[in-house]
């Protein structure tokens, strides 16, 4: 069963980080940019450099 979601609920980041990452990557891959959890994605990208 594929657990990936087509949208990200506001609290998925806090509930299941791995699923959030997989879902975010999938949404980016298919071009559903309006469905992405932008604030948390920015936080994760910025954390790479800090």
N, C-alpha and C. Protein backbone atom coordinates (compact mmCIF):
# COMPACT_ATOMS: atom_id res chain seq x y z
N UNK A 1 0.84 -1.19 0.00
CA UNK A 1 0.00 0.00 0.00
C UNK A 1 0.89 1.25 0.00
N UNK A 2 0.58 2.18 -0.86
CA UNK A 2 1.34 3.42 -0.96
C UNK A 2 0.79 4.43 0.03
N UNK A 3 1.61 4.83 1.00
CA UNK A 3 1.18 5.77 2.02
C UNK A 3 1.34 7.22 1.59
N UNK A 4 2.01 7.47 0.45
CA UNK A 4 2.22 8.85 0.03
C UNK A 4 0.89 9.55 -0.17
N UNK A 5 0.86 10.77 0.20
CA UNK A 5 -0.36 11.56 0.11
C UNK A 5 -0.26 12.54 -1.05
N UNK A 6 -1.40 13.01 -1.50
CA UNK A 6 -1.41 14.00 -2.58
C UNK A 6 -1.34 15.41 -2.03
N UNK A 7 -1.64 15.57 -0.77
CA UNK A 7 -1.49 16.87 -0.11
C UNK A 7 -0.87 16.61 1.26
N UNK A 8 -0.39 17.64 1.88
CA UNK A 8 0.23 17.51 3.19
C UNK A 8 -0.64 18.21 4.22
N UNK A 9 -1.08 17.46 5.21
CA UNK A 9 -1.84 18.06 6.29
C UNK A 9 -0.89 18.93 7.12
N UNK A 10 -1.41 19.94 7.75
CA UNK A 10 -0.55 20.88 8.47
C UNK A 10 0.35 20.24 9.52
N UNK A 11 -0.08 19.14 10.11
CA UNK A 11 0.70 18.55 11.18
C UNK A 11 1.44 17.27 10.78
N UNK A 12 1.45 16.90 9.52
CA UNK A 12 2.16 15.70 9.10
C UNK A 12 3.64 15.80 9.44
N UNK A 13 4.20 16.97 9.32
CA UNK A 13 5.61 17.20 9.64
C UNK A 13 5.93 16.76 11.06
N UNK A 14 5.02 17.04 12.00
CA UNK A 14 5.22 16.69 13.40
C UNK A 14 4.86 15.25 13.71
N UNK A 15 3.98 14.67 12.94
CA UNK A 15 3.48 13.33 13.23
C UNK A 15 4.35 12.23 12.63
N UNK A 16 4.73 12.40 11.36
CA UNK A 16 5.48 11.36 10.65
C UNK A 16 6.46 12.04 9.71
N UNK A 17 7.65 12.36 10.20
CA UNK A 17 8.61 13.13 9.42
C UNK A 17 9.00 12.42 8.13
N UNK A 18 9.25 11.13 8.18
CA UNK A 18 9.64 10.39 6.98
C UNK A 18 8.55 10.45 5.92
N UNK A 19 7.31 10.28 6.32
CA UNK A 19 6.20 10.38 5.37
C UNK A 19 6.10 11.80 4.81
N UNK A 20 6.35 12.79 5.67
CA UNK A 20 6.34 14.19 5.21
C UNK A 20 7.41 14.40 4.13
N UNK A 21 8.62 13.87 4.35
CA UNK A 21 9.71 14.01 3.38
C UNK A 21 9.34 13.31 2.07
N UNK A 22 8.86 12.09 2.16
CA UNK A 22 8.49 11.33 0.96
C UNK A 22 7.37 12.04 0.19
N UNK A 23 6.39 12.53 0.91
CA UNK A 23 5.26 13.22 0.27
C UNK A 23 5.72 14.52 -0.37
N UNK A 24 6.56 15.26 0.33
CA UNK A 24 7.08 16.52 -0.21
C UNK A 24 7.86 16.26 -1.50
N UNK A 25 8.71 15.25 -1.49
CA UNK A 25 9.48 14.91 -2.69
C UNK A 25 8.54 14.54 -3.83
N UNK A 26 7.52 13.77 -3.54
CA UNK A 26 6.56 13.36 -4.57
C UNK A 26 5.82 14.57 -5.13
N UNK A 27 5.39 15.46 -4.27
CA UNK A 27 4.69 16.66 -4.73
C UNK A 27 5.59 17.53 -5.60
N UNK A 28 6.85 17.65 -5.23
CA UNK A 28 7.80 18.39 -6.06
C UNK A 28 7.97 17.71 -7.41
N UNK A 29 8.09 16.40 -7.38
CA UNK A 29 8.31 15.61 -8.61
C UNK A 29 7.17 15.80 -9.61
N UNK A 30 5.93 15.83 -9.10
CA UNK A 30 4.78 15.92 -10.00
C UNK A 30 4.31 17.36 -10.22
N UNK A 31 5.02 18.32 -9.64
CA UNK A 31 4.72 19.72 -9.90
C UNK A 31 3.53 20.29 -9.15
N UNK A 32 3.15 19.66 -8.04
CA UNK A 32 2.02 20.18 -7.24
C UNK A 32 2.56 21.12 -6.16
N UNK A 33 3.12 22.22 -6.62
CA UNK A 33 3.81 23.15 -5.73
C UNK A 33 2.89 23.83 -4.72
N UNK A 34 1.64 24.02 -5.05
CA UNK A 34 0.72 24.68 -4.12
C UNK A 34 0.33 23.77 -2.96
N UNK A 35 0.62 22.48 -3.07
CA UNK A 35 0.27 21.53 -2.03
C UNK A 35 1.40 21.32 -1.01
N UNK A 36 2.56 21.90 -1.27
CA UNK A 36 3.74 21.66 -0.43
C UNK A 36 3.69 22.50 0.84
N UNK A 37 4.18 21.91 1.90
CA UNK A 37 4.31 22.58 3.20
C UNK A 37 5.57 23.46 3.15
N UNK A 38 5.42 24.64 2.58
CA UNK A 38 6.54 25.54 2.31
C UNK A 38 7.29 25.95 3.59
N UNK A 39 6.61 26.37 4.66
CA UNK A 39 7.36 26.82 5.84
C UNK A 39 8.30 25.74 6.40
N UNK A 40 7.82 24.52 6.49
CA UNK A 40 8.68 23.46 7.02
C UNK A 40 9.75 23.04 6.02
N UNK A 41 9.45 23.10 4.73
CA UNK A 41 10.45 22.79 3.72
C UNK A 41 11.60 23.80 3.79
N UNK A 42 11.26 25.07 3.92
CA UNK A 42 12.28 26.12 4.06
C UNK A 42 13.12 25.87 5.30
N UNK A 43 12.47 25.55 6.40
CA UNK A 43 13.19 25.28 7.66
C UNK A 43 14.18 24.13 7.49
N UNK A 44 13.77 23.07 6.83
CA UNK A 44 14.65 21.92 6.62
C UNK A 44 15.81 22.26 5.70
N UNK A 45 15.56 23.00 4.65
CA UNK A 45 16.64 23.39 3.73
C UNK A 45 17.63 24.29 4.46
N UNK A 46 17.14 25.26 5.21
CA UNK A 46 18.03 26.16 5.94
C UNK A 46 18.83 25.42 7.00
N UNK A 47 18.27 24.38 7.58
CA UNK A 47 18.97 23.64 8.65
C UNK A 47 20.20 22.91 8.11
N UNK A 48 20.26 22.67 6.82
CA UNK A 48 21.41 22.00 6.22
C UNK A 48 22.66 22.86 6.38
N UNK A 49 22.49 24.16 6.35
CA UNK A 49 23.62 25.09 6.38
C UNK A 49 23.94 25.63 7.76
N UNK A 50 23.20 25.20 8.78
CA UNK A 50 23.43 25.72 10.14
C UNK A 50 23.90 24.64 11.06
